[in-house]
Amino acid sequence: MSLAGTIERSEKHRRDEEIQAIEHGDANTTGTRKSVYEGLRGKIKPMPEEQIAKKNHERLAGTGLIAEADINQQDLTELGLWEDSEVINQQEAKEEIPEAVEKYGAELVVEEAVENLLDEFTERGIVYEDPGDNIGFFHRRAKAFDVYDDSAFDIYDERPENMSEADFHRFEQSAPTMYQKFAEGVANHSEQNREYVVEKVAESSQYLDEDLDSIIGFEEAFQFSR
C-alpha cells in the first residue's frame, strides 16, 4: 500500500474511533467542558460549526500554550448532532490540576502555570475564562485545553499596550479574574491554605503586586504598564 493510502486508512480509522467515542461514551458535562468524550487518544468534543472559535486556534496554534489538537468536520446527524459538526480531538493531559497538585505540589504547579501560561495569555491580550478547570500538565508543562468553545476566551484584537482605552479598561477588569480563578482552583485541591496559594500566584506573575495576600484582592493587585 502506498504512503498516501496508509495515511488515508489511518485517518478513516481515527475518525471511526471518534464517532464510536461520541456515540457510546459518557459525556463529561461539568464546568465549561460540556459534552467532552474520552477517546482512545485524547478528549473528543463535537460542536456546531458556528460555535467553534477559529480565531482561538489561529492566535494560539503553534504557541505551545494549548494542547495539540486535530480538528475535522463530520456529518453527525445520525447521532442527533449537526450536519457540519466540528470534531476536536485534543491531546489528553497526563495530569489535570488536582492530580498535578498531588504529584508536583502546589508551588510547582503555580509557578509553571502562571509564569509560562497565564502571563503569556496576558501579554498576548488574551483572557482564559476557566483556567482552574481547564489547565492540564503534559510532562510537567502546563497547557490549556477545551479552548475552542467561543466562550473559552476573551480575545482582544491588540496586545494590551496597543488597546484602545475602552478595551484596556475591560482587560484590566477581566485579566485579574483569570489569575483569581486559577488560584481558587489550586487552593481547592491543595493542602496549603488559600493565603499561601495566593501569595505564590502573586510571586510567580510579573503582573501582580507581590503584596497580594487575599483571594479578593486580585483586581487591585493587577498591574500592566503601557
Protein backbone atom coordinates (compact mmCIF):
# COMPACT_ATOMS: atom_id res chain seq x y z
CA MET A 1 0.00 0.00 0.00
CA SER A 2 1.25 3.48 -0.87
CA LEU A 3 2.06 6.05 1.82
CA ALA A 4 -0.97 8.11 0.78
CA GLY A 5 -3.19 5.03 1.07
CA THR A 6 -1.80 4.21 4.50
CA ILE A 7 -2.42 7.77 5.74
CA GLU A 8 -5.97 7.73 4.34
CA ARG A 9 -6.72 4.41 6.03
CA SER A 10 -5.28 5.64 9.33
CA GLU A 11 -7.35 8.83 9.09
CA LYS A 12 -10.56 6.85 8.47
CA HIS A 13 -9.77 4.57 11.43
CA ARG A 14 -9.22 7.59 13.69
CA ARG A 15 -12.50 9.20 12.63
CA ASP A 16 -14.35 5.94 13.21
CA GLU A 17 -12.90 5.89 16.74
CA GLU A 18 -14.12 9.45 17.29
CA ILE A 19 -17.67 8.55 16.25
CA GLN A 20 -17.61 5.47 18.50
CA ALA A 21 -16.50 7.61 21.45
CA ILE A 22 -19.26 10.16 20.83
CA GLU A 23 -21.94 7.51 20.23
CA HIS A 24 -21.12 5.16 23.09
CA GLY A 25 -19.02 7.22 25.51
CA ASP A 26 -20.11 9.02 28.65
CA ALA A 27 -20.04 12.78 28.22
CA ASN A 28 -18.29 14.98 30.77
CA THR A 29 -20.71 17.88 31.26
CA THR A 30 -19.04 19.64 34.19
CA GLY A 31 -17.78 23.22 34.06
CA THR A 32 -17.23 24.52 30.55
CA ARG A 33 -16.16 21.10 29.29
CA LYS A 34 -19.66 20.28 28.06
CA SER A 35 -20.11 17.11 26.03
CA VAL A 36 -16.45 16.12 26.10
CA TYR A 37 -15.94 12.42 25.45
CA GLU A 38 -13.00 10.22 26.37
CA GLY A 39 -11.47 8.80 23.20
CA LEU A 40 -8.58 6.40 22.79
CA ARG A 41 -6.10 9.16 22.02
CA GLY A 42 -7.49 12.16 23.84
CA LYS A 43 -10.59 14.19 24.61
CA ILE A 44 -13.15 14.47 21.83
CA LYS A 45 -15.53 17.39 21.65
CA PRO A 46 -18.15 17.87 18.91
CA MET A 47 -19.73 21.27 18.40
CA PRO A 48 -21.69 23.11 15.71
CA GLU A 49 -19.60 24.90 13.13
CA GLU A 50 -20.84 28.35 14.10
CA GLN A 51 -19.72 27.95 17.73
CA ILE A 52 -16.12 26.96 17.16
CA ALA A 53 -13.84 29.90 17.81
CA LYS A 54 -11.48 29.52 14.88
CA LYS A 55 -9.67 32.70 15.86
CA ASN A 56 -8.61 30.95 19.09
CA HIS A 57 -6.88 28.32 17.01
CA GLU A 58 -5.34 30.89 14.67
CA ARG A 59 -3.97 33.01 17.52
CA LEU A 60 -2.79 30.13 19.68
CA ALA A 61 -1.77 27.31 17.35
CA GLY A 62 1.98 26.77 17.48
CA THR A 63 2.49 28.85 20.62
CA GLY A 64 2.88 25.89 22.99
CA LEU A 65 0.13 27.36 25.19
CA ILE A 66 -2.56 24.85 24.24
CA ALA A 67 -2.67 21.09 23.99
CA GLU A 68 -2.18 19.73 20.49
CA ALA A 69 -5.46 19.12 18.70
CA ASP A 70 -6.78 17.80 15.43
CA ILE A 71 -9.94 19.42 14.09
CA ASN A 72 -12.10 17.89 11.39
CA GLN A 73 -15.65 18.35 10.16
CA GLN A 74 -18.14 15.49 10.07
CA ASP A 75 -21.85 14.93 9.43
CA LEU A 76 -23.11 13.65 12.78
CA THR A 77 -26.85 13.97 12.16
CA GLU A 78 -27.23 10.20 12.73
CA LEU A 79 -26.10 10.82 16.30
CA GLY A 80 -28.56 13.67 16.76
CA LEU A 81 -25.86 16.32 16.32
CA TRP A 82 -25.12 18.64 13.40
CA GLU A 83 -24.52 18.16 9.71
CA ASP A 84 -21.48 20.43 9.91
CA SER A 85 -20.12 19.21 13.24
CA GLU A 86 -16.63 20.32 14.14
CA VAL A 87 -14.93 17.43 15.93
CA ILE A 88 -11.98 18.42 18.08
CA ASN A 89 -9.69 15.60 19.16
CA GLN A 90 -7.34 17.10 21.72
CA GLN A 91 -4.33 15.53 23.39
CA GLU A 92 -5.17 14.38 26.90
CA ALA A 93 -3.22 15.80 29.82
CA LYS A 94 -1.17 13.41 31.92
CA GLU A 95 -2.43 15.30 34.98
CA GLU A 96 -5.14 17.87 35.45
CA ILE A 97 -4.91 20.39 38.30
CA PRO A 98 -5.92 18.04 41.16
CA GLU A 99 -3.50 15.31 40.06
CA ALA A 100 -0.73 17.81 39.30
CA VAL A 101 -1.03 19.40 42.74
CA GLU A 102 -0.84 15.99 44.38
CA LYS A 103 2.10 14.85 42.24
CA TYR A 104 4.21 18.02 41.98
CA GLY A 105 2.98 20.19 44.84
CA ALA A 106 1.06 23.44 44.74
CA GLU A 107 4.16 25.63 44.44
CA LEU A 108 5.48 24.00 41.26
CA VAL A 109 2.00 23.91 39.71
CA VAL A 110 1.53 27.61 40.38
CA GLU A 111 4.97 28.63 39.15
CA GLU A 112 4.71 26.66 35.90
CA ALA A 113 1.13 27.63 35.06
CA VAL A 114 1.41 31.31 35.98
CA GLU A 115 4.85 32.06 34.53
CA ASN A 116 4.52 30.05 31.33
CA LEU A 117 0.81 30.13 30.61
CA LEU A 118 -1.29 32.80 32.31
CA ASP A 119 1.34 35.54 31.97
CA GLU A 120 1.72 34.61 28.29
CA PHE A 121 -2.02 34.96 27.78
CA THR A 122 -1.86 38.36 29.45
CA GLU A 123 0.99 39.52 27.22
CA ARG A 124 -0.99 38.47 24.13
CA GLY A 125 -4.15 40.28 25.21
CA ILE A 126 -5.98 37.02 25.88
CA VAL A 127 -8.01 36.18 28.98
CA TYR A 128 -8.73 32.50 29.60
CA GLU A 129 -12.20 32.06 31.04
CA ASP A 130 -11.86 28.85 33.07
CA PRO A 131 -8.21 28.20 33.99
CA GLY A 132 -8.93 26.32 37.21
CA ASP A 133 -10.85 23.58 35.39
CA ASN A 134 -9.13 23.57 32.01
CA ILE A 135 -5.39 23.60 32.56
CA GLY A 136 -3.54 20.30 32.29
CA PHE A 137 0.05 19.20 32.78
CA PHE A 138 1.88 17.49 29.93
CA HIS A 139 5.25 16.17 31.13
CA ARG A 140 5.35 18.87 33.84
CA ARG A 141 4.43 21.61 31.39
CA ALA A 142 1.14 23.47 31.80
CA LYS A 143 -1.12 23.86 28.77
CA ALA A 144 -4.71 24.89 28.24
CA PHE A 145 -7.36 22.59 26.80
CA ASP A 146 -11.03 22.94 25.84
CA VAL A 147 -10.10 26.23 24.20
CA TYR A 148 -12.19 26.09 21.04
CA ASP A 149 -15.55 26.92 22.55
CA ASP A 150 -16.44 30.53 21.72
CA SER A 151 -16.80 31.19 25.47
CA ALA A 152 -13.35 29.86 26.39
CA PHE A 153 -11.51 33.16 25.94
CA ASP A 154 -11.99 36.86 25.88
CA ILE A 155 -9.65 37.68 22.99
CA TYR A 156 -8.77 41.29 22.32
CA ASP A 157 -7.70 42.48 18.89
CA GLU A 158 -4.46 44.02 20.10
CA ARG A 159 -1.79 43.39 22.69
CA PRO A 160 -2.59 45.30 25.90
CA GLU A 161 -0.15 48.12 25.13
CA ASN A 162 -1.94 48.77 21.82
CA MET A 163 -5.53 48.52 23.01
CA SER A 164 -7.98 51.38 22.97
CA GLU A 165 -8.73 52.93 26.35
CA ALA A 166 -12.13 51.21 26.46
CA ASP A 167 -10.68 47.79 25.65
CA PHE A 168 -7.82 48.22 28.08
CA HIS A 169 -10.27 49.12 30.84
CA ARG A 170 -12.19 45.89 30.19
CA PHE A 171 -8.93 43.97 30.02
CA GLU A 172 -7.81 45.36 33.41
CA GLN A 173 -11.02 44.06 34.92
CA SER A 174 -11.09 40.61 33.29
CA ALA A 175 -7.40 39.62 33.37
CA PRO A 176 -7.03 39.54 37.18
CA THR A 177 -10.14 37.35 37.36
CA MET A 178 -8.22 34.75 35.34
CA TYR A 179 -5.47 34.64 37.98
CA GLN A 180 -8.03 34.59 40.78
CA LYS A 181 -9.94 31.63 39.31
CA PHE A 182 -6.70 29.73 38.87
CA ALA A 183 -5.65 30.40 42.49
CA GLU A 184 -9.02 29.20 43.72
CA GLY A 185 -8.75 26.04 41.63
CA VAL A 186 -5.33 25.18 43.03
CA ALA A 187 -6.32 26.04 46.59
CA ASN A 188 -9.36 23.77 46.37
CA HIS A 189 -7.10 20.79 45.69
CA SER A 190 -4.14 21.68 47.88
CA GLU A 191 -3.34 21.03 51.50
CA GLN A 192 -1.90 24.54 51.58
CA ASN A 193 -4.18 27.31 52.79
CA ARG A 194 -5.60 29.87 50.37
CA GLU A 195 -3.32 32.63 51.57
CA TYR A 196 -0.26 30.55 50.69
CA VAL A 197 -1.56 29.82 47.18
CA VAL A 198 -2.50 33.46 46.57
CA GLU A 199 0.96 34.54 47.71
CA LYS A 200 2.63 32.07 45.32
CA VAL A 201 0.46 33.21 42.39
CA ALA A 202 1.40 36.82 43.08
CA GLU A 203 5.10 35.98 43.39
CA SER A 204 5.06 33.98 40.14
CA SER A 205 3.35 36.61 37.99
CA GLN A 206 5.05 39.71 36.69
CA TYR A 207 1.65 41.40 36.52
CA LEU A 208 0.54 41.04 40.14
CA ASP A 209 1.71 43.03 43.13
CA GLU A 210 3.64 40.66 45.40
CA ASP A 211 1.93 42.17 48.43
CA LEU A 212 -1.31 40.45 47.36
CA ASP A 213 -2.48 38.34 50.30
CA SER A 214 -6.20 37.87 49.75
CA ILE A 215 -8.27 35.92 47.25
CA ILE A 216 -10.46 39.00 46.77
CA GLY A 217 -7.61 41.41 46.02
CA PHE A 218 -6.59 40.36 42.51
CA GLU A 219 -8.12 43.26 40.60
CA GLU A 220 -6.41 45.80 42.83
CA ALA A 221 -3.09 43.93 42.59
CA PHE A 222 -3.09 43.61 38.77
CA GLN A 223 -0.64 45.98 37.11
CA PHE A 224 0.14 46.25 33.42
CA SER A 225 2.30 49.19 32.34
CA ARG A 226 1.54 50.55 28.89
